[in-house]
Amino acid sequence: MSIGFILQQIINGFSLGSMYALIAIGYTLVYGVLRLINFAHGDIMMVGAFMAFIFFKILGLNFYVAVLFSIIFTAIVGILTYVSAYKPLLDKGAPKISLLITAIGISFFLESLFNVIANQYLGGTYQAFYFPKWFSHIIHIGNVTIPVLTIIVPVLTLLLLGVVLFILYKTKVGIAIRALAFDITTVKLMGANSNMIIAFVFALGSALAAIGGIAYAMAYPSIDPYMGMLVGLKAFAAAVVGGIGSVTGAVIGGFILGFAEVAIPGFFPELGGWKDAFAFIFLIFVLLFKPTGIMGIDFERQRF
């Protein structure tokens, strides 16, 4: 087992973990504000990947324009899920279980919708995902081969983490988000438009999920309407491992689970069949010893 092989596994693991991290941030933002696990979030990621495919391959737009439009479209879908599904329940004071069931319903709806679109208008459930060839260009450093995409995704994730933290701590809307997370009732009594703030949180989380979904579709160049199920669950596990409610923790959790998923089968090939289980096994171990996660938050004192 050479140093080059070990470095290769580390790089590949962090690249995959970056994709989980982008999706996990959306989970942790929504949970931080509403104490809601948005189980439709994985399918929001699928929407982003599908819309990038439709804008680029079907409508013939420039790839970067297609990515931008898909991010905007997915952010709007995120807002619509809040306005049409969650907000009416929150306004009526519905129990959390109702919100959870609604999230599962939205997930099935999006999967069924894009299954119909894929079969009737795109020619089949599974589609090859096309993107500019330079993303697949290989950089050779000794015995390590690094696709350009493998470098771009972790760097982009860290940059977006910086943007999210800047929004949360250096802008008025970020102050409003943290205040809402601390005490939503008091914020409403003070006259703040809580619905606009929550809609912004859904839009931000959905946009990040779209970026993660597009990156995932480029790394594993195919898409299907159910691609968000397992990826979304792994991203949720990453958010919990890192500490649900902590944005930085979500990214750390994503990196850890991505590394574990790639490195363990790489070092122990006989465990390759357990690849998808590692995230959840690791989640169980973390919760046994630190139930709040690596950067767990005391929600009575701190937010994000």
C-alpha atoms as a PDB file:
ATOM      1  CA  MET A   1       0.000   0.000   0.000  1.00  0.00           C
ATOM      2  CA  SER A   2       1.942   3.001  -1.313  1.00  0.00           C
ATOM      3  CA  ILE A   3       1.796   6.639  -0.245  1.00  0.00           C
ATOM      4  CA  GLY A   4       0.391   7.450  -3.679  1.00  0.00           C
ATOM      5  CA  PHE A   5      -2.482   5.021  -3.163  1.00  0.00           C
ATOM      6  CA  ILE A   6      -3.279   6.514   0.250  1.00  0.00           C
ATOM      7  CA  LEU A   7      -3.229  10.070  -1.137  1.00  0.00           C
ATOM      8  CA  GLN A   8      -5.495   8.943  -3.974  1.00  0.00           C
ATOM      9  CA  GLN A   9      -8.076   7.615  -1.517  1.00  0.00           C
ATOM     10  CA  ILE A  10      -7.909  10.775   0.594  1.00  0.00           C
ATOM     11  CA  ILE A  11      -8.452  13.043  -2.423  1.00  0.00           C
ATOM     12  CA  ASN A  12     -11.326  10.939  -3.768  1.00  0.00           C
ATOM     13  CA  GLY A  13     -12.907  10.761  -0.312  1.00  0.00           C
ATOM     14  CA  PHE A  14     -12.815  14.489   0.260  1.00  0.00           C
ATOM     15  CA  SER A  15     -14.277  15.102  -3.194  1.00  0.00           C
ATOM     16  CA  LEU A  16     -17.247  12.816  -2.476  1.00  0.00           C
ATOM     17  CA  GLY A  17     -17.548  14.251   1.032  1.00  0.00           C
ATOM     18  CA  SER A  18     -17.787  17.751  -0.426  1.00  0.00           C
ATOM     19  CA  MET A  19     -20.903  16.758  -2.335  1.00  0.00           C
ATOM     20  CA  TYR A  20     -22.466  15.338   0.827  1.00  0.00           C
ATOM     21  CA  ALA A  21     -21.461  18.505   2.683  1.00  0.00           C
ATOM     22  CA  LEU A  22     -23.240  20.827   0.244  1.00  0.00           C
ATOM     23  CA  ILE A  23     -26.467  18.882   0.685  1.00  0.00           C
ATOM     24  CA  ALA A  24     -25.991  18.520   4.458  1.00  0.00           C
ATOM     25  CA  ILE A  25     -25.831  22.309   4.888  1.00  0.00           C
ATOM     26  CA  GLY A  26     -29.415  22.522   3.646  1.00  0.00           C
ATOM     27  CA  TYR A  27     -30.547  19.946   6.205  1.00  0.00           C
ATOM     28  CA  THR A  28     -28.847  21.795   9.043  1.00  0.00           C
ATOM     29  CA  LEU A  29     -30.121  25.252   8.045  1.00  0.00           C
ATOM     30  CA  VAL A  30     -33.745  24.154   7.949  1.00  0.00           C
ATOM     31  CA  TYR A  31     -33.386  22.191  11.174  1.00  0.00           C
ATOM     32  CA  GLY A  32     -31.730  25.129  12.884  1.00  0.00           C
ATOM     33  CA  VAL A  33     -34.689  27.391  12.117  1.00  0.00           C
ATOM     34  CA  LEU A  34     -37.700  25.066  12.237  1.00  0.00           C
ATOM     35  CA  ARG A  35     -36.441  21.946  14.073  1.00  0.00           C
ATOM     36  CA  LEU A  36     -37.613  20.114  10.950  1.00  0.00           C
ATOM     37  CA  ILE A  37     -35.804  17.292   9.164  1.00  0.00           C
ATOM     38  CA  ASN A  38     -36.636  18.060   5.552  1.00  0.00           C
ATOM     39  CA  PHE A  39     -36.502  14.556   4.091  1.00  0.00           C
ATOM     40  CA  ALA A  40     -37.408  15.967   0.667  1.00  0.00           C
ATOM     41  CA  HIS A  41     -34.023  17.680   0.537  1.00  0.00           C
ATOM     42  CA  GLY A  42     -32.317  14.771  -1.216  1.00  0.00           C
ATOM     43  CA  ASP A  43     -34.866  15.000  -4.007  1.00  0.00           C
ATOM     44  CA  ILE A  44     -34.295  18.752  -4.241  1.00  0.00           C
ATOM     45  CA  MET A  45     -30.711  17.797  -5.116  1.00  0.00           C
ATOM     46  CA  MET A  46     -32.092  15.495  -7.831  1.00  0.00           C
ATOM     47  CA  VAL A  47     -34.168  18.385  -9.232  1.00  0.00           C
ATOM     48  CA  GLY A  48     -31.006  20.484  -9.553  1.00  0.00           C
ATOM     49  CA  ALA A  49     -29.185  17.759 -11.484  1.00  0.00           C
ATOM     50  CA  PHE A  50     -32.163  17.079 -13.767  1.00  0.00           C
ATOM     51  CA  MET A  51     -32.753  20.747 -14.542  1.00  0.00           C
ATOM     52  CA  ALA A  52     -29.080  21.242 -15.421  1.00  0.00           C
ATOM     53  CA  PHE A  53     -29.417  18.286 -17.814  1.00  0.00           C
ATOM     54  CA  ILE A  54     -32.613  19.682 -19.347  1.00  0.00           C
ATOM     55  CA  PHE A  55     -31.258  23.218 -19.768  1.00  0.00           C
ATOM     56  CA  PHE A  56     -27.939  22.007 -21.228  1.00  0.00           C
ATOM     57  CA  LYS A  57     -28.741  18.891 -23.250  1.00  0.00           C
ATOM     58  CA  ILE A  58     -32.403  19.401 -24.196  1.00  0.00           C
ATOM     59  CA  LEU A  59     -32.655  23.189 -24.531  1.00  0.00           C
ATOM     60  CA  GLY A  60     -29.090  23.634 -25.770  1.00  0.00           C
ATOM     61  CA  LEU A  61     -27.990  26.381 -23.386  1.00  0.00           C
ATOM     62  CA  ASN A  62     -24.369  27.000 -22.521  1.00  0.00           C
ATOM     63  CA  PHE A  63     -23.350  24.624 -19.714  1.00  0.00           C
ATOM     64  CA  TYR A  64     -22.545  27.365 -17.208  1.00  0.00           C
ATOM     65  CA  VAL A  65     -25.766  29.213 -18.007  1.00  0.00           C
ATOM     66  CA  ALA A  66     -27.636  25.919 -17.614  1.00  0.00           C
ATOM     67  CA  VAL A  67     -26.043  25.382 -14.191  1.00  0.00           C
ATOM     68  CA  LEU A  68     -26.968  28.924 -13.115  1.00  0.00           C
ATOM     69  CA  PHE A  69     -30.578  28.506 -14.289  1.00  0.00           C
ATOM     70  CA  SER A  70     -30.877  25.118 -12.584  1.00  0.00           C
ATOM     71  CA  ILE A  71     -29.639  26.587  -9.287  1.00  0.00           C
ATOM     72  CA  ILE A  72     -32.182  29.423  -9.533  1.00  0.00           C
ATOM     73  CA  PHE A  73     -34.949  26.987 -10.512  1.00  0.00           C
ATOM     74  CA  THR A  74     -34.117  24.667  -7.628  1.00  0.00           C
ATOM     75  CA  ALA A  75     -34.068  27.562  -5.169  1.00  0.00           C
ATOM     76  CA  ILE A  76     -37.561  28.501  -6.363  1.00  0.00           C
ATOM     77  CA  VAL A  77     -38.680  24.877  -5.905  1.00  0.00           C
ATOM     78  CA  GLY A  78     -37.354  25.057  -2.349  1.00  0.00           C
ATOM     79  CA  ILE A  79     -39.375  28.199  -1.682  1.00  0.00           C
ATOM     80  CA  LEU A  80     -42.485  26.621  -3.190  1.00  0.00           C
ATOM     81  CA  THR A  81     -42.159  23.543  -0.979  1.00  0.00           C
ATOM     82  CA  TYR A  82     -42.113  25.792   2.062  1.00  0.00           C
ATOM     83  CA  VAL A  83     -44.956  28.075   0.934  1.00  0.00           C
ATOM     84  CA  SER A  84     -47.253  25.338  -0.372  1.00  0.00           C
ATOM     85  CA  ALA A  85     -46.567  22.511   2.082  1.00  0.00           C
ATOM     86  CA  TYR A  86     -44.832  23.532   5.302  1.00  0.00           C
ATOM     87  CA  LYS A  87     -46.117  27.070   5.892  1.00  0.00           C
ATOM     88  CA  PRO A  88     -49.836  26.113   6.071  1.00  0.00           C
ATOM     89  CA  LEU A  89     -49.015  23.458   8.668  1.00  0.00           C
ATOM     90  CA  LEU A  90     -46.791  25.799  10.672  1.00  0.00           C
ATOM     91  CA  ASP A  91     -49.483  28.497  10.636  1.00  0.00           C
ATOM     92  CA  LYS A  92     -51.941  25.990  12.101  1.00  0.00           C
ATOM     93  CA  GLY A  93     -49.500  24.830  14.755  1.00  0.00           C
ATOM     94  CA  ALA A  94     -49.394  21.296  13.370  1.00  0.00           C
ATOM     95  CA  PRO A  95     -47.261  18.756  15.279  1.00  0.00           C
ATOM     96  CA  LYS A  96     -43.780  17.926  13.999  1.00  0.00           C
ATOM     97  CA  ILE A  97     -44.913  14.483  12.853  1.00  0.00           C
ATOM     98  CA  SER A  98     -47.264  16.153  10.365  1.00  0.00           C
ATOM     99  CA  LEU A  99     -44.367  18.162   8.945  1.00  0.00           C
ATOM    100  CA  LEU A 100     -42.267  15.014   8.712  1.00  0.00           C
ATOM    101  CA  ILE A 101     -45.003  13.118   6.856  1.00  0.00           C
ATOM    102  CA  THR A 102     -45.415  16.111   4.543  1.00  0.00           C
ATOM    103  CA  ALA A 103     -41.677  16.075   3.790  1.00  0.00           C
ATOM    104  CA  ILE A 104     -41.895  12.401   2.838  1.00  0.00           C
ATOM    105  CA  GLY A 105     -44.911  13.189   0.642  1.00  0.00           C
ATOM    106  CA  ILE A 106     -43.006  15.954  -1.161  1.00  0.00           C
ATOM    107  CA  SER A 107     -40.140  13.528  -1.696  1.00  0.00           C
ATOM    108  CA  PHE A 108     -42.402  10.947  -3.363  1.00  0.00           C
ATOM    109  CA  PHE A 109     -44.113  13.661  -5.409  1.00  0.00           C
ATOM    110  CA  LEU A 110     -40.828  14.990  -6.838  1.00  0.00           C
ATOM    111  CA  GLU A 111     -39.586  11.485  -7.603  1.00  0.00           C
ATOM    112  CA  SER A 112     -42.831  10.574  -9.379  1.00  0.00           C
ATOM    113  CA  LEU A 113     -42.946  13.892 -11.263  1.00  0.00           C
ATOM    114  CA  PHE A 114     -39.437  13.557 -12.653  1.00  0.00           C
ATOM    115  CA  ASN A 115     -39.975   9.850 -13.353  1.00  0.00           C
ATOM    116  CA  VAL A 116     -42.880  10.826 -15.610  1.00  0.00           C
ATOM    117  CA  ILE A 117     -40.857  13.634 -17.219  1.00  0.00           C
ATOM    118  CA  ALA A 118     -37.884  11.318 -17.816  1.00  0.00           C
ATOM    119  CA  ASN A 119     -39.962   8.520 -19.336  1.00  0.00           C
ATOM    120  CA  GLN A 120     -42.336  10.596 -21.447  1.00  0.00           C
ATOM    121  CA  TYR A 121     -40.088  13.447 -22.587  1.00  0.00           C
ATOM    122  CA  LEU A 122     -36.456  12.405 -22.144  1.00  0.00           C
ATOM    123  CA  GLY A 123     -36.629   8.844 -23.437  1.00  0.00           C
ATOM    124  CA  GLY A 124     -36.028   6.850 -20.265  1.00  0.00           C
ATOM    125  CA  THR A 125     -35.569   6.908 -16.507  1.00  0.00           C
ATOM    126  CA  TYR A 126     -31.769   6.850 -16.600  1.00  0.00           C
ATOM    127  CA  GLN A 127     -29.941   9.575 -18.497  1.00  0.00           C
ATOM    128  CA  ALA A 128     -26.251  10.151 -19.148  1.00  0.00           C
ATOM    129  CA  PHE A 129     -25.162  13.493 -17.739  1.00  0.00           C
ATOM    130  CA  TYR A 130     -23.156  15.612 -20.188  1.00  0.00           C
ATOM    131  CA  PHE A 131     -20.698  18.344 -19.238  1.00  0.00           C
ATOM    132  CA  PRO A 132     -17.564  20.023 -20.698  1.00  0.00           C
ATOM    133  CA  LYS A 133     -14.710  17.557 -21.150  1.00  0.00           C
ATOM    134  CA  TRP A 134     -12.137  19.701 -19.357  1.00  0.00           C
ATOM    135  CA  PHE A 135     -13.753  18.775 -16.019  1.00  0.00           C
ATOM    136  CA  SER A 136     -12.574  15.195 -16.664  1.00  0.00           C
ATOM    137  CA  HIS A 137      -9.022  16.229 -17.511  1.00  0.00           C
ATOM    138  CA  ILE A 138      -6.546  14.206 -15.457  1.00  0.00           C
ATOM    139  CA  ILE A 139      -3.685  15.793 -13.536  1.00  0.00           C
ATOM    140  CA  HIS A 140      -0.809  13.431 -12.741  1.00  0.00           C
ATOM    141  CA  ILE A 141       1.247  14.055  -9.609  1.00  0.00           C
ATOM    142  CA  GLY A 142       3.591  11.127  -9.192  1.00  0.00           C
ATOM    143  CA  ASN A 143       1.428   8.030  -8.893  1.00  0.00           C
ATOM    144  CA  VAL A 144      -1.671  10.080  -8.019  1.00  0.00           C
ATOM    145  CA  THR A 145      -4.235  10.830 -10.744  1.00  0.00           C
ATOM    146  CA  ILE A 146      -6.537  13.742  -9.982  1.00  0.00           C
ATOM    147  CA  PRO A 147      -9.450  14.719 -12.242  1.00  0.00           C
ATOM    148  CA  VAL A 148      -9.973  18.480 -12.347  1.00  0.00           C
ATOM    149  CA  LEU A 149     -13.480  18.019 -10.946  1.00  0.00           C
ATOM    150  CA  THR A 150     -12.026  16.293  -7.884  1.00  0.00           C
ATOM    151  CA  ILE A 151     -10.076  19.469  -7.088  1.00  0.00           C
ATOM    152  CA  ILE A 152     -12.849  21.914  -7.926  1.00  0.00           C
ATOM    153  CA  VAL A 153     -15.585  20.397  -5.747  1.00  0.00           C
ATOM    154  CA  PRO A 154     -13.800  20.565  -2.336  1.00  0.00           C
ATOM    155  CA  VAL A 155     -12.508  24.072  -3.076  1.00  0.00           C
ATOM    156  CA  LEU A 156     -15.978  25.189  -4.144  1.00  0.00           C
ATOM    157  CA  THR A 157     -17.491  23.626  -1.012  1.00  0.00           C
ATOM    158  CA  LEU A 158     -15.124  25.534   1.272  1.00  0.00           C
ATOM    159  CA  LEU A 159     -15.826  28.761  -0.607  1.00  0.00           C
ATOM    160  CA  LEU A 160     -19.578  28.252  -0.298  1.00  0.00           C
ATOM    161  CA  LEU A 161     -19.171  27.429   3.398  1.00  0.00           C
ATOM    162  CA  GLY A 162     -17.447  30.798   3.762  1.00  0.00           C
ATOM    163  CA  VAL A 163     -20.313  32.495   1.911  1.00  0.00           C
ATOM    164  CA  VAL A 164     -22.934  30.832   4.135  1.00  0.00           C
ATOM    165  CA  LEU A 165     -21.062  31.774   7.317  1.00  0.00           C
ATOM    166  CA  PHE A 166     -20.679  35.335   6.041  1.00  0.00           C
ATOM    167  CA  ILE A 167     -24.420  35.529   5.407  1.00  0.00           C
ATOM    168  CA  LEU A 168     -25.217  34.129   8.850  1.00  0.00           C
ATOM    169  CA  TYR A 169     -22.845  36.317  10.845  1.00  0.00           C
ATOM    170  CA  LYS A 170     -22.201  39.462   8.794  1.00  0.00           C
ATOM    171  CA  THR A 171     -25.524  40.367   7.168  1.00  0.00           C
ATOM    172  CA  LYS A 172     -28.883  41.540   8.449  1.00  0.00           C
ATOM    173  CA  VAL A 173     -30.680  38.550   6.974  1.00  0.00           C
ATOM    174  CA  GLY A 174     -28.185  36.293   8.764  1.00  0.00           C
ATOM    175  CA  ILE A 175     -28.902  38.026  12.065  1.00  0.00           C
ATOM    176  CA  ALA A 176     -32.605  37.534  11.374  1.00  0.00           C
ATOM    177  CA  ILE A 177     -32.070  33.823  10.636  1.00  0.00           C
ATOM    178  CA  ARG A 178     -30.170  33.296  13.885  1.00  0.00           C
ATOM    179  CA  ALA A 179     -32.755  35.264  15.844  1.00  0.00           C
ATOM    180  CA  LEU A 180     -35.539  33.189  14.296  1.00  0.00           C
ATOM    181  CA  ALA A 181     -33.691  30.012  15.205  1.00  0.00           C
ATOM    182  CA  PHE A 182     -33.359  31.209  18.801  1.00  0.00           C
ATOM    183  CA  ASP A 183     -36.983  32.238  19.364  1.00  0.00           C
ATOM    184  CA  ILE A 184     -39.383  32.301  16.440  1.00  0.00           C
ATOM    185  CA  THR A 185     -42.296  33.614  18.521  1.00  0.00           C
ATOM    186  CA  THR A 186     -40.407  36.650  19.809  1.00  0.00           C
ATOM    187  CA  VAL A 187     -39.134  37.477  16.318  1.00  0.00           C
ATOM    188  CA  LYS A 188     -42.707  37.478  15.013  1.00  0.00           C
ATOM    189  CA  LEU A 189     -43.857  39.718  17.880  1.00  0.00           C
ATOM    190  CA  MET A 190     -41.095  42.188  17.023  1.00  0.00           C
ATOM    191  CA  GLY A 191     -42.574  42.588  13.539  1.00  0.00           C
ATOM    192  CA  ALA A 192     -40.004  40.678  11.500  1.00  0.00           C
ATOM    193  CA  ASN A 193     -41.307  38.905   8.413  1.00  0.00           C
ATOM    194  CA  SER A 194     -40.557  35.357   9.538  1.00  0.00           C
ATOM    195  CA  ASN A 195     -42.025  33.820   6.396  1.00  0.00           C
ATOM    196  CA  MET A 196     -39.600  35.725   4.177  1.00  0.00           C
ATOM    197  CA  ILE A 197     -36.681  34.685   6.366  1.00  0.00           C
ATOM    198  CA  ILE A 198     -37.675  31.000   6.343  1.00  0.00           C
ATOM    199  CA  ALA A 199     -38.274  31.120   2.572  1.00  0.00           C
ATOM    200  CA  PHE A 200     -34.747  32.511   2.157  1.00  0.00           C
ATOM    201  CA  VAL A 201     -33.363  29.627   4.241  1.00  0.00           C
ATOM    202  CA  PHE A 202     -35.153  27.099   2.016  1.00  0.00           C
ATOM    203  CA  ALA A 203     -33.897  28.881  -1.107  1.00  0.00           C
ATOM    204  CA  LEU A 204     -30.304  28.950   0.152  1.00  0.00           C
ATOM    205  CA  GLY A 205     -30.349  25.292   1.203  1.00  0.00           C
ATOM    206  CA  SER A 206     -31.952  24.236  -2.084  1.00  0.00           C
ATOM    207  CA  ALA A 207     -29.423  26.183  -4.149  1.00  0.00           C
ATOM    208  CA  LEU A 208     -26.566  24.457  -2.321  1.00  0.00           C
ATOM    209  CA  ALA A 209     -28.275  21.082  -2.840  1.00  0.00           C
ATOM    210  CA  ALA A 210     -28.530  21.831  -6.566  1.00  0.00           C
ATOM    211  CA  ILE A 211     -24.791  22.532  -6.722  1.00  0.00           C
ATOM    212  CA  GLY A 212     -24.121  19.305  -4.832  1.00  0.00           C
ATOM    213  CA  GLY A 213     -26.451  17.388  -7.150  1.00  0.00           C
ATOM    214  CA  ILE A 214     -24.786  18.736 -10.291  1.00  0.00           C
ATOM    215  CA  ALA A 215     -21.339  17.912  -8.895  1.00  0.00           C
ATOM    216  CA  TYR A 216     -22.522  14.387  -8.034  1.00  0.00           C
ATOM    217  CA  ALA A 217     -23.980  13.919 -11.524  1.00  0.00           C
ATOM    218  CA  MET A 218     -20.665  15.030 -13.042  1.00  0.00           C
ATOM    219  CA  ALA A 219     -18.642  12.696 -10.822  1.00  0.00           C
ATOM    220  CA  TYR A 220     -20.954   9.743 -11.524  1.00  0.00           C
ATOM    221  CA  PRO A 221     -22.221  10.856 -14.941  1.00  0.00           C
ATOM    222  CA  SER A 222     -25.783   9.623 -14.910  1.00  0.00           C
ATOM    223  CA  ILE A 223     -29.019  10.847 -13.385  1.00  0.00           C
ATOM    224  CA  ASP A 224     -32.336   9.254 -12.477  1.00  0.00           C
ATOM    225  CA  PRO A 225     -35.412  10.396 -10.505  1.00  0.00           C
ATOM    226  CA  TYR A 226     -34.417   8.331  -7.459  1.00  0.00           C
ATOM    227  CA  MET A 227     -30.792   9.407  -7.236  1.00  0.00           C
ATOM    228  CA  GLY A 228     -31.562  11.715  -4.313  1.00  0.00           C
ATOM    229  CA  MET A 229     -32.867   9.039  -1.952  1.00  0.00           C
ATOM    230  CA  LEU A 230     -29.633   7.388  -0.834  1.00  0.00           C
ATOM    231  CA  VAL A 231     -27.469  10.476  -1.352  1.00  0.00           C
ATOM    232  CA  GLY A 232     -29.922  12.533   0.683  1.00  0.00           C
ATOM    233  CA  LEU A 233     -29.889  10.016   3.530  1.00  0.00           C
ATOM    234  CA  LYS A 234     -26.079  10.006   3.551  1.00  0.00           C
ATOM    235  CA  ALA A 235     -26.044  13.814   3.597  1.00  0.00           C
ATOM    236  CA  PHE A 236     -28.495  13.727   6.503  1.00  0.00           C
ATOM    237  CA  ALA A 237     -26.163  11.307   8.284  1.00  0.00           C
ATOM    238  CA  ALA A 238     -23.308  13.736   7.598  1.00  0.00           C
ATOM    239  CA  ALA A 239     -25.299  16.598   9.140  1.00  0.00           C
ATOM    240  CA  VAL A 240     -26.028  14.528  12.257  1.00  0.00           C
ATOM    241  CA  VAL A 241     -22.424  13.303  12.563  1.00  0.00           C
ATOM    242  CA  GLY A 242     -21.142  16.863  12.303  1.00  0.00           C
ATOM    243  CA  GLY A 243     -23.800  18.140  14.693  1.00  0.00           C
ATOM    244  CA  ILE A 244     -27.244  18.935  13.304  1.00  0.00           C
ATOM    245  CA  GLY A 245     -27.723  22.690  13.430  1.00  0.00           C
ATOM    246  CA  SER A 246     -24.016  23.471  12.894  1.00  0.00           C
ATOM    247  CA  VAL A 247     -23.140  24.575   9.357  1.00  0.00           C
ATOM    248  CA  THR A 248     -19.435  23.945   9.865  1.00  0.00           C
ATOM    249  CA  GLY A 249     -20.253  20.605  11.469  1.00  0.00           C
ATOM    250  CA  ALA A 250     -22.304  19.603   8.408  1.00  0.00           C
ATOM    251  CA  VAL A 251     -19.275  20.178   6.180  1.00  0.00           C
ATOM    252  CA  ILE A 252     -16.966  18.301   8.548  1.00  0.00           C
ATOM    253  CA  GLY A 253     -19.448  15.429   8.721  1.00  0.00           C
ATOM    254  CA  GLY A 254     -19.670  15.338   4.932  1.00  0.00           C
ATOM    255  CA  PHE A 255     -15.890  15.152   4.591  1.00  0.00           C
ATOM    256  CA  ILE A 256     -15.669  12.373   7.195  1.00  0.00           C
ATOM    257  CA  LEU A 257     -18.397  10.216   5.657  1.00  0.00           C
ATOM    258  CA  GLY A 258     -17.129  10.750   2.122  1.00  0.00           C
ATOM    259  CA  PHE A 259     -13.622   9.748   3.163  1.00  0.00           C
ATOM    260  CA  ALA A 260     -14.926   6.685   5.028  1.00  0.00           C
ATOM    261  CA  GLU A 261     -17.058   5.575   2.076  1.00  0.00           C
ATOM    262  CA  VAL A 262     -14.153   5.795  -0.377  1.00  0.00           C
ATOM    263  CA  ALA A 263     -11.161   4.881   1.771  1.00  0.00           C
ATOM    264  CA  ILE A 264     -12.440   1.832   3.657  1.00  0.00           C
ATOM    265  CA  PRO A 265     -13.322  -0.180   0.496  1.00  0.00           C
ATOM    266  CA  GLY A 266     -10.062   1.076  -1.027  1.00  0.00           C
ATOM    267  CA  PHE A 267      -7.976  -0.212   1.859  1.00  0.00           C
ATOM    268  CA  PHE A 268     -10.142  -3.289   2.434  1.00  0.00           C
ATOM    269  CA  PRO A 269     -11.580  -4.377  -0.957  1.00  0.00           C
ATOM    270  CA  GLU A 270     -13.452  -7.285   0.635  1.00  0.00           C
ATOM    271  CA  LEU A 271     -15.719  -4.695   2.325  1.00  0.00           C
ATOM    272  CA  GLY A 272     -16.730  -3.076  -0.974  1.00  0.00           C
ATOM    273  CA  GLY A 273     -20.247  -4.481  -0.745  1.00  0.00           C
ATOM    274  CA  TRP A 274     -20.750  -2.566   2.502  1.00  0.00           C
ATOM    275  CA  LYS A 275     -19.830   0.777   0.939  1.00  0.00           C
ATOM    276  CA  ASP A 276     -23.272   2.371   1.319  1.00  0.00           C
ATOM    277  CA  ALA A 277     -23.603   1.180   4.912  1.00  0.00           C
ATOM    278  CA  PHE A 278     -20.460   2.863   6.237  1.00  0.00           C
ATOM    279  CA  ALA A 279     -22.109   6.263   6.595  1.00  0.00           C
ATOM    280  CA  PHE A 280     -24.830   4.889   8.829  1.00  0.00           C
ATOM    281  CA  ILE A 281     -22.510   2.615  10.817  1.00  0.00           C
ATOM    282  CA  PHE A 282     -20.290   5.609  11.511  1.00  0.00           C
ATOM    283  CA  LEU A 283     -23.372   7.637  12.441  1.00  0.00           C
ATOM    284  CA  ILE A 284     -24.378   5.045  15.055  1.00  0.00           C
ATOM    285  CA  PHE A 285     -20.905   5.037  16.616  1.00  0.00           C
ATOM    286  CA  VAL A 286     -20.754   8.826  16.800  1.00  0.00           C
ATOM    287  CA  LEU A 287     -24.204   9.064  18.393  1.00  0.00           C
ATOM    288  CA  LEU A 288     -23.302   6.405  20.957  1.00  0.00           C
ATOM    289  CA  PHE A 289     -20.401   8.469  22.277  1.00  0.00           C
ATOM    290  CA  LYS A 290     -21.485  12.018  21.378  1.00  0.00           C
ATOM    291  CA  PRO A 291     -25.239  12.222  20.804  1.00  0.00           C
ATOM    292  CA  THR A 292     -25.092  15.868  19.684  1.00  0.00           C
ATOM    293  CA  GLY A 293     -22.528  15.125  16.966  1.00  0.00           C
ATOM    294  CA  ILE A 294     -18.933  16.297  16.569  1.00  0.00           C
ATOM    295  CA  MET A 295     -19.808  20.002  16.758  1.00  0.00           C
ATOM    296  CA  GLY A 296     -23.113  19.486  18.517  1.00  0.00           C
ATOM    297  CA  ILE A 297     -25.054  22.590  19.472  1.00  0.00           C
ATOM    298  CA  ASP A 298     -26.917  23.350  22.661  1.00  0.00           C
ATOM    299  CA  PHE A 299     -29.996  24.907  21.085  1.00  0.00           C
ATOM    300  CA  GLU A 300     -30.847  26.706  24.311  1.00  0.00           C
ATOM    301  CA  ARG A 301     -27.681  28.779  24.010  1.00  0.00           C
ATOM    302  CA  GLN A 302     -26.325  28.736  20.483  1.00  0.00           C
ATOM    303  CA  ARG A 303     -27.428  28.635  16.834  1.00  0.00           C
ATOM    304  CA  PHE A 304     -25.407  27.579  13.780  1.00  0.00           C
END
